[in-house]
Amino acid sequence: MKKIIYSALVVLTMVLMLSSCGSTKNVAYFQNADQVSLAASKMLYDAKIMPKDELTITVSTTDPKAAMPFNLTVSKTTGMEGQLSSTPTLLGYLVDNSGNIQFPVVGQLHVAGLTKNQCEELVKNKVRPYMSDKENPIVTVRMASYRVVVTGEVNAPKVVSVPQEKMSIIEALASAGDLTIYGKRENVMLIREDAQGEKHIHYLNLNDANIINSPYFYLQQNDVIYVEPNKVKAQNSAIGSATSLWFSAVSILTSVASLVVNILR
């Protein structure tokens, strides 16, 4: 009897160890990094402007009066009552569905599909004719509405703001607290909307280091990342209170069996 109980405990321990080893192989990122060529990842990513983006555009000149007509501002009142002060704040430009903005003095500009630098050059060329020859305006463009959504099996689902206009999928997941142990790392869903409003779904394998060479490694504004739960999480969510009690009973019986073996030695 003692040998049977001892053998059962050994088998149970081996099963638990094997299942533990099997589950860890899908946890680590970039498992084949030493076998991947990174030549294709040698590029500097530039986000492109899309419809519904909000832009802040600033025109600067040596003579502030020359740039004033091209900088739309609104007065913002701040301070305590009796000590109010008015501060000019730049207004944003919302890119319409056709990819255009209405810029002061110049009129309509088509900016969709342009990078930040290309948009700055476009605005600079459009405002220069309205200034004296000695002026060389400096134009600064920022995407004020650049953000991505991370949800599913992550520790802190959230909307992630991207102030630097460049973010990889790894950075986005890190901002959301990384995947939980139940997240499917080999099948992360990326939902992306193109300039025509059509949505496309792509699946990324974080276990594979080739993701660094993927065109979806860097995120675009309004991307949605969804991490699907693995089978373990799905099975755990299906376990009812009765099943939980059954597992507790098995655990107690195992402890009792171990105690009996020690007594009978």
C-alpha atoms as a PDB file:
ATOM      1  CA  MET A   1       0.000   0.000   0.000  1.00  0.00           C
ATOM      2  CA  LYS A   2       2.818   2.326   0.912  1.00  0.00           C
ATOM      3  CA  LYS A   3       4.550   1.721  -2.435  1.00  0.00           C
ATOM      4  CA  ILE A   4       1.337   2.437  -4.395  1.00  0.00           C
ATOM      5  CA  ILE A   5       0.759   5.741  -2.624  1.00  0.00           C
ATOM      6  CA  TYR A   6       4.402   6.743  -3.057  1.00  0.00           C
ATOM      7  CA  SER A   7       4.333   5.873  -6.788  1.00  0.00           C
ATOM      8  CA  ALA A   8       1.153   7.904  -7.272  1.00  0.00           C
ATOM      9  CA  LEU A   9       2.755  10.938  -5.654  1.00  0.00           C
ATOM     10  CA  VAL A  10       5.872  10.599  -7.834  1.00  0.00           C
ATOM     11  CA  VAL A  11       3.753  10.389 -11.016  1.00  0.00           C
ATOM     12  CA  LEU A  12       1.690  13.404  -9.938  1.00  0.00           C
ATOM     13  CA  THR A  13       4.836  15.427  -9.269  1.00  0.00           C
ATOM     14  CA  MET A  14       6.313  14.509 -12.677  1.00  0.00           C
ATOM     15  CA  VAL A  15       3.108  15.519 -14.465  1.00  0.00           C
ATOM     16  CA  LEU A  16       3.099  18.898 -12.746  1.00  0.00           C
ATOM     17  CA  MET A  17       6.769  19.473 -13.617  1.00  0.00           C
ATOM     18  CA  LEU A  18       6.269  18.531 -17.260  1.00  0.00           C
ATOM     19  CA  SER A  19       3.224  20.767 -17.626  1.00  0.00           C
ATOM     20  CA  SER A  20       5.177  23.632 -16.063  1.00  0.00           C
ATOM     21  CA  CYS A  21       8.065  23.163 -18.512  1.00  0.00           C
ATOM     22  CA  GLY A  22       5.713  22.953 -21.456  1.00  0.00           C
ATOM     23  CA  SER A  23       3.982  26.216 -20.589  1.00  0.00           C
ATOM     24  CA  THR A  24       7.141  28.299 -20.211  1.00  0.00           C
ATOM     25  CA  LYS A  25       8.336  27.762 -23.776  1.00  0.00           C
ATOM     26  CA  ASN A  26       5.622  30.109 -25.067  1.00  0.00           C
ATOM     27  CA  VAL A  27       6.341  32.890 -22.557  1.00  0.00           C
ATOM     28  CA  ALA A  28       9.695  34.309 -23.676  1.00  0.00           C
ATOM     29  CA  TYR A  29       9.785  36.930 -26.459  1.00  0.00           C
ATOM     30  CA  PHE A  30      12.210  36.786 -29.428  1.00  0.00           C
ATOM     31  CA  GLN A  31      13.150  33.150 -28.819  1.00  0.00           C
ATOM     32  CA  ASN A  32      15.034  32.766 -32.120  1.00  0.00           C
ATOM     33  CA  ALA A  33      16.825  36.132 -32.002  1.00  0.00           C
ATOM     34  CA  ASP A  34      20.212  34.562 -32.764  1.00  0.00           C
ATOM     35  CA  GLN A  35      18.848  33.160 -36.037  1.00  0.00           C
ATOM     36  CA  VAL A  36      17.233  36.321 -37.405  1.00  0.00           C
ATOM     37  CA  SER A  37      18.790  38.855 -39.769  1.00  0.00           C
ATOM     38  CA  LEU A  38      18.006  42.409 -38.659  1.00  0.00           C
ATOM     39  CA  ALA A  39      19.019  44.033 -41.954  1.00  0.00           C
ATOM     40  CA  ALA A  40      15.391  44.613 -42.926  1.00  0.00           C
ATOM     41  CA  SER A  41      14.763  46.557 -39.705  1.00  0.00           C
ATOM     42  CA  LYS A  42      17.353  49.207 -40.592  1.00  0.00           C
ATOM     43  CA  MET A  43      15.050  52.174 -41.112  1.00  0.00           C
ATOM     44  CA  LEU A  44      13.843  55.324 -39.381  1.00  0.00           C
ATOM     45  CA  TYR A  45      10.082  55.192 -38.941  1.00  0.00           C
ATOM     46  CA  ASP A  46       7.987  58.254 -39.777  1.00  0.00           C
ATOM     47  CA  ALA A  47       4.270  58.283 -39.044  1.00  0.00           C
ATOM     48  CA  LYS A  48       2.002  59.565 -41.814  1.00  0.00           C
ATOM     49  CA  ILE A  49      -0.860  61.971 -41.337  1.00  0.00           C
ATOM     50  CA  MET A  50      -4.325  60.443 -41.692  1.00  0.00           C
ATOM     51  CA  PRO A  51      -7.910  61.767 -41.783  1.00  0.00           C
ATOM     52  CA  LYS A  52      -9.238  62.699 -38.331  1.00  0.00           C
ATOM     53  CA  ASP A  53      -5.743  63.455 -37.026  1.00  0.00           C
ATOM     54  CA  GLU A  54      -5.447  66.666 -35.036  1.00  0.00           C
ATOM     55  CA  LEU A  55      -2.383  68.729 -35.915  1.00  0.00           C
ATOM     56  CA  THR A  56      -0.744  71.645 -34.159  1.00  0.00           C
ATOM     57  CA  ILE A  57       1.157  73.834 -36.641  1.00  0.00           C
ATOM     58  CA  THR A  58       3.429  76.663 -35.536  1.00  0.00           C
ATOM     59  CA  VAL A  59       5.040  79.209 -37.859  1.00  0.00           C
ATOM     60  CA  SER A  60       8.012  81.146 -36.445  1.00  0.00           C
ATOM     61  CA  THR A  61       9.866  84.119 -37.970  1.00  0.00           C
ATOM     62  CA  THR A  62      12.424  86.691 -36.854  1.00  0.00           C
ATOM     63  CA  ASP A  63       9.645  89.277 -36.976  1.00  0.00           C
ATOM     64  CA  PRO A  64       6.766  87.977 -34.797  1.00  0.00           C
ATOM     65  CA  LYS A  65       4.267  90.118 -36.710  1.00  0.00           C
ATOM     66  CA  ALA A  66       5.080  88.317 -39.960  1.00  0.00           C
ATOM     67  CA  ALA A  67       4.114  84.935 -38.458  1.00  0.00           C
ATOM     68  CA  MET A  68       1.058  86.148 -36.536  1.00  0.00           C
ATOM     69  CA  PRO A  69      -1.524  85.641 -39.355  1.00  0.00           C
ATOM     70  CA  PHE A  70      -0.491  81.970 -39.678  1.00  0.00           C
ATOM     71  CA  ASN A  71      -0.777  81.057 -35.984  1.00  0.00           C
ATOM     72  CA  LEU A  72      -4.376  80.647 -34.914  1.00  0.00           C
ATOM     73  CA  THR A  73      -4.681  81.243 -31.173  1.00  0.00           C
ATOM     74  CA  VAL A  74      -7.411  81.580 -28.603  1.00  0.00           C
ATOM     75  CA  SER A  75      -7.080  83.388 -25.279  1.00  0.00           C
ATOM     76  CA  LYS A  76      -7.201  81.084 -22.251  1.00  0.00           C
ATOM     77  CA  THR A  77      -7.944  82.677 -18.896  1.00  0.00           C
ATOM     78  CA  THR A  78      -6.057  81.328 -15.897  1.00  0.00           C
ATOM     79  CA  GLY A  79      -5.481  82.308 -12.261  1.00  0.00           C
ATOM     80  CA  MET A  80      -7.541  83.153  -9.184  1.00  0.00           C
ATOM     81  CA  GLU A  81     -10.411  85.618  -9.178  1.00  0.00           C
ATOM     82  CA  GLY A  82      -9.018  89.113  -9.071  1.00  0.00           C
ATOM     83  CA  GLN A  83      -5.695  87.955 -10.532  1.00  0.00           C
ATOM     84  CA  LEU A  84      -6.788  86.638 -13.900  1.00  0.00           C
ATOM     85  CA  SER A  85      -4.385  86.488 -16.810  1.00  0.00           C
ATOM     86  CA  SER A  86      -4.994  85.691 -20.467  1.00  0.00           C
ATOM     87  CA  THR A  87      -2.612  83.330 -22.277  1.00  0.00           C
ATOM     88  CA  PRO A  88      -2.761  82.702 -26.043  1.00  0.00           C
ATOM     89  CA  THR A  89      -3.121  78.996 -26.879  1.00  0.00           C
ATOM     90  CA  LEU A  90      -2.602  77.488 -30.319  1.00  0.00           C
ATOM     91  CA  LEU A  91      -5.647  75.957 -31.988  1.00  0.00           C
ATOM     92  CA  GLY A  92      -5.418  72.542 -33.612  1.00  0.00           C
ATOM     93  CA  TYR A  93      -6.258  71.608 -37.193  1.00  0.00           C
ATOM     94  CA  LEU A  94      -8.522  68.589 -37.692  1.00  0.00           C
ATOM     95  CA  VAL A  95      -7.758  66.684 -40.909  1.00  0.00           C
ATOM     96  CA  ASP A  96     -11.057  66.074 -42.696  1.00  0.00           C
ATOM     97  CA  ASN A  97     -12.153  62.850 -44.412  1.00  0.00           C
ATOM     98  CA  SER A  98     -10.608  64.045 -47.679  1.00  0.00           C
ATOM     99  CA  GLY A  99      -7.241  64.570 -45.969  1.00  0.00           C
ATOM    100  CA  ASN A 100      -7.365  68.390 -46.015  1.00  0.00           C
ATOM    101  CA  ILE A 101      -6.997  71.206 -43.481  1.00  0.00           C
ATOM    102  CA  GLN A 102      -7.964  74.859 -43.776  1.00  0.00           C
ATOM    103  CA  PHE A 103      -4.843  76.898 -43.075  1.00  0.00           C
ATOM    104  CA  PRO A 104      -4.983  80.661 -42.361  1.00  0.00           C
ATOM    105  CA  VAL A 105      -4.386  82.961 -45.351  1.00  0.00           C
ATOM    106  CA  VAL A 106      -3.209  80.062 -47.537  1.00  0.00           C
ATOM    107  CA  GLY A 107      -6.510  78.165 -47.623  1.00  0.00           C
ATOM    108  CA  GLN A 108      -6.961  74.431 -48.155  1.00  0.00           C
ATOM    109  CA  LEU A 109      -3.937  72.137 -47.865  1.00  0.00           C
ATOM    110  CA  HIS A 110      -3.907  68.397 -48.579  1.00  0.00           C
ATOM    111  CA  VAL A 111      -1.804  66.819 -45.833  1.00  0.00           C
ATOM    112  CA  ALA A 112      -3.008  63.197 -45.587  1.00  0.00           C
ATOM    113  CA  GLY A 113      -0.276  60.715 -46.456  1.00  0.00           C
ATOM    114  CA  LEU A 114       2.516  63.162 -45.589  1.00  0.00           C
ATOM    115  CA  THR A 115       5.065  62.666 -42.849  1.00  0.00           C
ATOM    116  CA  LYS A 116       5.620  65.409 -40.296  1.00  0.00           C
ATOM    117  CA  ASN A 117       8.679  66.711 -42.153  1.00  0.00           C
ATOM    118  CA  GLN A 118       6.865  66.701 -45.500  1.00  0.00           C
ATOM    119  CA  CYS A 119       3.956  68.629 -43.993  1.00  0.00           C
ATOM    120  CA  GLU A 120       6.342  71.190 -42.509  1.00  0.00           C
ATOM    121  CA  GLU A 121       7.972  71.699 -45.908  1.00  0.00           C
ATOM    122  CA  LEU A 122       4.557  72.075 -47.585  1.00  0.00           C
ATOM    123  CA  VAL A 123       3.383  74.724 -45.127  1.00  0.00           C
ATOM    124  CA  LYS A 124       6.716  76.542 -45.328  1.00  0.00           C
ATOM    125  CA  ASN A 125       6.509  76.803 -49.133  1.00  0.00           C
ATOM    126  CA  LYS A 126       2.901  78.034 -48.949  1.00  0.00           C
ATOM    127  CA  VAL A 127       3.486  80.821 -46.390  1.00  0.00           C
ATOM    128  CA  ARG A 128       6.810  82.092 -47.729  1.00  0.00           C
ATOM    129  CA  PRO A 129       5.274  84.137 -50.620  1.00  0.00           C
ATOM    130  CA  TYR A 130       3.360  86.200 -48.035  1.00  0.00           C
ATOM    131  CA  MET A 131       6.569  87.300 -46.299  1.00  0.00           C
ATOM    132  CA  SER A 132       9.512  89.483 -47.153  1.00  0.00           C
ATOM    133  CA  ASP A 133      12.498  87.918 -48.898  1.00  0.00           C
ATOM    134  CA  LYS A 134      14.649  88.184 -45.782  1.00  0.00           C
ATOM    135  CA  GLU A 135      12.315  85.917 -43.800  1.00  0.00           C
ATOM    136  CA  ASN A 136      12.969  82.173 -43.686  1.00  0.00           C
ATOM    137  CA  PRO A 137      10.023  80.792 -41.688  1.00  0.00           C
ATOM    138  CA  ILE A 138      10.403  77.799 -39.410  1.00  0.00           C
ATOM    139  CA  VAL A 139       7.367  75.489 -39.381  1.00  0.00           C
ATOM    140  CA  THR A 140       6.754  72.919 -36.654  1.00  0.00           C
ATOM    141  CA  VAL A 141       4.059  70.238 -37.017  1.00  0.00           C
ATOM    142  CA  ARG A 142       2.929  67.918 -34.230  1.00  0.00           C
ATOM    143  CA  MET A 143       0.283  65.173 -34.195  1.00  0.00           C
ATOM    144  CA  ALA A 144      -1.732  66.041 -31.108  1.00  0.00           C
ATOM    145  CA  SER A 145      -4.054  63.017 -31.327  1.00  0.00           C
ATOM    146  CA  TYR A 146      -1.523  60.180 -31.778  1.00  0.00           C
ATOM    147  CA  ARG A 147      -2.640  57.294 -29.573  1.00  0.00           C
ATOM    148  CA  VAL A 148      -3.076  53.507 -29.589  1.00  0.00           C
ATOM    149  CA  VAL A 149      -5.322  51.156 -27.602  1.00  0.00           C
ATOM    150  CA  VAL A 150      -4.015  48.083 -25.745  1.00  0.00           C
ATOM    151  CA  THR A 151      -6.592  45.663 -24.315  1.00  0.00           C
ATOM    152  CA  GLY A 152      -7.194  41.998 -23.546  1.00  0.00           C
ATOM    153  CA  GLU A 153      -4.800  39.879 -21.448  1.00  0.00           C
ATOM    154  CA  VAL A 154      -2.522  42.709 -20.313  1.00  0.00           C
ATOM    155  CA  ASN A 155      -1.972  43.873 -16.759  1.00  0.00           C
ATOM    156  CA  ALA A 156      -3.276  47.413 -17.314  1.00  0.00           C
ATOM    157  CA  PRO A 157      -5.502  47.847 -20.413  1.00  0.00           C
ATOM    158  CA  LYS A 158      -5.372  51.474 -21.500  1.00  0.00           C
ATOM    159  CA  VAL A 159      -5.305  54.087 -24.235  1.00  0.00           C
ATOM    160  CA  VAL A 160      -1.627  54.947 -24.730  1.00  0.00           C
ATOM    161  CA  SER A 161      -0.682  58.480 -25.819  1.00  0.00           C
ATOM    162  CA  VAL A 162       2.344  58.688 -28.120  1.00  0.00           C
ATOM    163  CA  PRO A 163       3.957  62.132 -27.768  1.00  0.00           C
ATOM    164  CA  GLN A 164       7.027  61.254 -29.858  1.00  0.00           C
ATOM    165  CA  GLU A 165       4.908  59.974 -32.804  1.00  0.00           C
ATOM    166  CA  LYS A 166       6.763  56.660 -32.830  1.00  0.00           C
ATOM    167  CA  MET A 167       5.966  53.549 -30.811  1.00  0.00           C
ATOM    168  CA  SER A 168       6.655  49.847 -31.342  1.00  0.00           C
ATOM    169  CA  ILE A 169       4.228  47.132 -30.322  1.00  0.00           C
ATOM    170  CA  ILE A 170       6.647  46.145 -27.546  1.00  0.00           C
ATOM    171  CA  GLU A 171       6.623  49.680 -26.120  1.00  0.00           C
ATOM    172  CA  ALA A 172       2.815  49.789 -26.255  1.00  0.00           C
ATOM    173  CA  LEU A 173       2.511  46.480 -24.396  1.00  0.00           C
ATOM    174  CA  ALA A 174       5.063  47.632 -21.826  1.00  0.00           C
ATOM    175  CA  SER A 175       3.018  50.812 -21.274  1.00  0.00           C
ATOM    176  CA  ALA A 176       0.026  48.577 -20.498  1.00  0.00           C
ATOM    177  CA  GLY A 177       1.978  46.557 -17.940  1.00  0.00           C
ATOM    178  CA  ASP A 178       2.962  43.788 -20.409  1.00  0.00           C
ATOM    179  CA  LEU A 179       0.997  40.598 -21.064  1.00  0.00           C
ATOM    180  CA  THR A 180      -0.306  38.536 -18.204  1.00  0.00           C
ATOM    181  CA  ILE A 181       0.904  34.938 -17.975  1.00  0.00           C
ATOM    182  CA  TYR A 182      -2.383  33.958 -19.655  1.00  0.00           C
ATOM    183  CA  GLY A 183      -1.882  36.101 -22.772  1.00  0.00           C
ATOM    184  CA  LYS A 184      -1.300  34.410 -26.146  1.00  0.00           C
ATOM    185  CA  ARG A 185       2.102  35.719 -27.156  1.00  0.00           C
ATOM    186  CA  GLU A 186       2.154  33.845 -30.448  1.00  0.00           C
ATOM    187  CA  ASN A 187      -1.114  35.339 -31.734  1.00  0.00           C
ATOM    188  CA  VAL A 188      -1.467  39.031 -30.800  1.00  0.00           C
ATOM    189  CA  MET A 189      -4.146  40.795 -32.841  1.00  0.00           C
ATOM    190  CA  LEU A 190      -3.498  44.205 -34.411  1.00  0.00           C
ATOM    191  CA  ILE A 191      -6.486  46.122 -35.811  1.00  0.00           C
ATOM    192  CA  ARG A 192      -5.458  48.937 -38.149  1.00  0.00           C
ATOM    193  CA  GLU A 193      -7.574  51.464 -40.049  1.00  0.00           C
ATOM    194  CA  ASP A 194      -6.305  52.794 -43.379  1.00  0.00           C
ATOM    195  CA  ALA A 195      -6.763  56.268 -44.889  1.00  0.00           C
ATOM    196  CA  GLN A 196     -10.078  55.188 -46.472  1.00  0.00           C
ATOM    197  CA  GLY A 197     -11.515  54.053 -43.134  1.00  0.00           C
ATOM    198  CA  GLU A 198     -11.246  50.330 -43.909  1.00  0.00           C
ATOM    199  CA  LYS A 199     -10.083  48.170 -41.014  1.00  0.00           C
ATOM    200  CA  HIS A 200      -7.547  45.349 -41.399  1.00  0.00           C
ATOM    201  CA  ILE A 201      -6.586  42.631 -38.912  1.00  0.00           C
ATOM    202  CA  HIS A 202      -3.028  41.308 -38.584  1.00  0.00           C
ATOM    203  CA  TYR A 203      -1.643  38.675 -36.215  1.00  0.00           C
ATOM    204  CA  LEU A 204       1.819  38.996 -34.669  1.00  0.00           C
ATOM    205  CA  ASN A 205       3.964  36.364 -32.954  1.00  0.00           C
ATOM    206  CA  LEU A 206       5.951  37.897 -30.097  1.00  0.00           C
ATOM    207  CA  ASN A 207       7.859  34.624 -29.610  1.00  0.00           C
ATOM    208  CA  ASP A 208       9.398  35.044 -33.074  1.00  0.00           C
ATOM    209  CA  ALA A 209      12.221  37.588 -33.336  1.00  0.00           C
ATOM    210  CA  ASN A 210      11.268  38.158 -36.990  1.00  0.00           C
ATOM    211  CA  ILE A 211       8.607  40.523 -35.657  1.00  0.00           C
ATOM    212  CA  ILE A 212      11.338  43.189 -35.584  1.00  0.00           C
ATOM    213  CA  ASN A 213      11.377  43.101 -39.403  1.00  0.00           C
ATOM    214  CA  SER A 214       7.573  43.231 -39.647  1.00  0.00           C
ATOM    215  CA  PRO A 215       5.880  46.303 -41.218  1.00  0.00           C
ATOM    216  CA  TYR A 216       3.568  46.195 -38.178  1.00  0.00           C
ATOM    217  CA  PHE A 217       6.334  46.368 -35.556  1.00  0.00           C
ATOM    218  CA  TYR A 218       5.856  50.155 -35.359  1.00  0.00           C
ATOM    219  CA  LEU A 219       2.304  51.255 -34.664  1.00  0.00           C
ATOM    220  CA  GLN A 220       0.189  53.833 -36.442  1.00  0.00           C
ATOM    221  CA  GLN A 221      -2.171  56.246 -34.753  1.00  0.00           C
ATOM    222  CA  ASN A 222      -5.461  54.654 -33.601  1.00  0.00           C
ATOM    223  CA  ASP A 223      -4.102  51.081 -33.813  1.00  0.00           C
ATOM    224  CA  VAL A 224      -5.840  48.604 -31.502  1.00  0.00           C
ATOM    225  CA  ILE A 225      -3.843  45.756 -29.924  1.00  0.00           C
ATOM    226  CA  TYR A 226      -5.847  42.852 -28.517  1.00  0.00           C
ATOM    227  CA  VAL A 227      -4.191  40.033 -26.574  1.00  0.00           C
ATOM    228  CA  GLU A 228      -6.252  36.857 -26.616  1.00  0.00           C
ATOM    229  CA  PRO A 229      -6.377  34.647 -23.482  1.00  0.00           C
ATOM    230  CA  ASN A 230      -4.755  31.222 -23.791  1.00  0.00           C
ATOM    231  CA  LYS A 231      -6.444  27.874 -23.142  1.00  0.00           C
ATOM    232  CA  VAL A 232      -5.456  27.860 -19.486  1.00  0.00           C
ATOM    233  CA  LYS A 233      -7.299  31.154 -18.849  1.00  0.00           C
ATOM    234  CA  ALA A 234     -10.300  29.947 -20.843  1.00  0.00           C
ATOM    235  CA  GLN A 235     -10.441  26.727 -18.859  1.00  0.00           C
ATOM    236  CA  ASN A 236     -10.032  28.540 -15.555  1.00  0.00           C
ATOM    237  CA  SER A 237     -12.899  30.891 -16.381  1.00  0.00           C
ATOM    238  CA  ALA A 238     -15.111  27.874 -17.094  1.00  0.00           C
ATOM    239  CA  ILE A 239     -14.401  26.259 -13.733  1.00  0.00           C
ATOM    240  CA  GLY A 240     -17.382  26.596 -11.380  1.00  0.00           C
ATOM    241  CA  SER A 241     -17.475  26.558  -7.621  1.00  0.00           C
ATOM    242  CA  ALA A 242     -18.138  22.796  -7.560  1.00  0.00           C
ATOM    243  CA  THR A 243     -15.034  22.109  -9.633  1.00  0.00           C
ATOM    244  CA  SER A 244     -12.980  24.375  -7.390  1.00  0.00           C
ATOM    245  CA  LEU A 245     -14.137  22.402  -4.370  1.00  0.00           C
ATOM    246  CA  TRP A 246     -13.188  19.177  -6.164  1.00  0.00           C
ATOM    247  CA  PHE A 247      -9.661  20.437  -6.756  1.00  0.00           C
ATOM    248  CA  SER A 248      -9.429  21.494  -3.114  1.00  0.00           C
ATOM    249  CA  ALA A 249     -10.511  18.007  -2.032  1.00  0.00           C
ATOM    250  CA  VAL A 250      -7.877  16.400  -4.268  1.00  0.00           C
ATOM    251  CA  SER A 251      -5.243  18.680  -2.781  1.00  0.00           C
ATOM    252  CA  ILE A 252      -6.260  17.726   0.761  1.00  0.00           C
ATOM    253  CA  LEU A 253      -6.254  14.015  -0.095  1.00  0.00           C
ATOM    254  CA  THR A 254      -2.784  14.350  -1.607  1.00  0.00           C
ATOM    255  CA  SER A 255      -1.519  15.994   1.576  1.00  0.00           C
ATOM    256  CA  VAL A 256      -3.093  13.257   3.710  1.00  0.00           C
ATOM    257  CA  ALA A 257      -1.570  10.547   1.496  1.00  0.00           C
ATOM    258  CA  SER A 258       1.869  12.145   1.882  1.00  0.00           C
ATOM    259  CA  LEU A 259       1.411  12.204   5.662  1.00  0.00           C
ATOM    260  CA  VAL A 260       0.423   8.514   5.689  1.00  0.00           C
ATOM    261  CA  VAL A 261       3.521   7.563   3.682  1.00  0.00           C
ATOM    262  CA  ASN A 262       5.737   9.343   6.197  1.00  0.00           C
ATOM    263  CA  ILE A 263       4.023   7.619   9.136  1.00  0.00           C
ATOM    264  CA  LEU A 264       4.304   4.131   7.601  1.00  0.00           C
ATOM    265  CA  ARG A 265       8.028   4.434   6.928  1.00  0.00           C
END
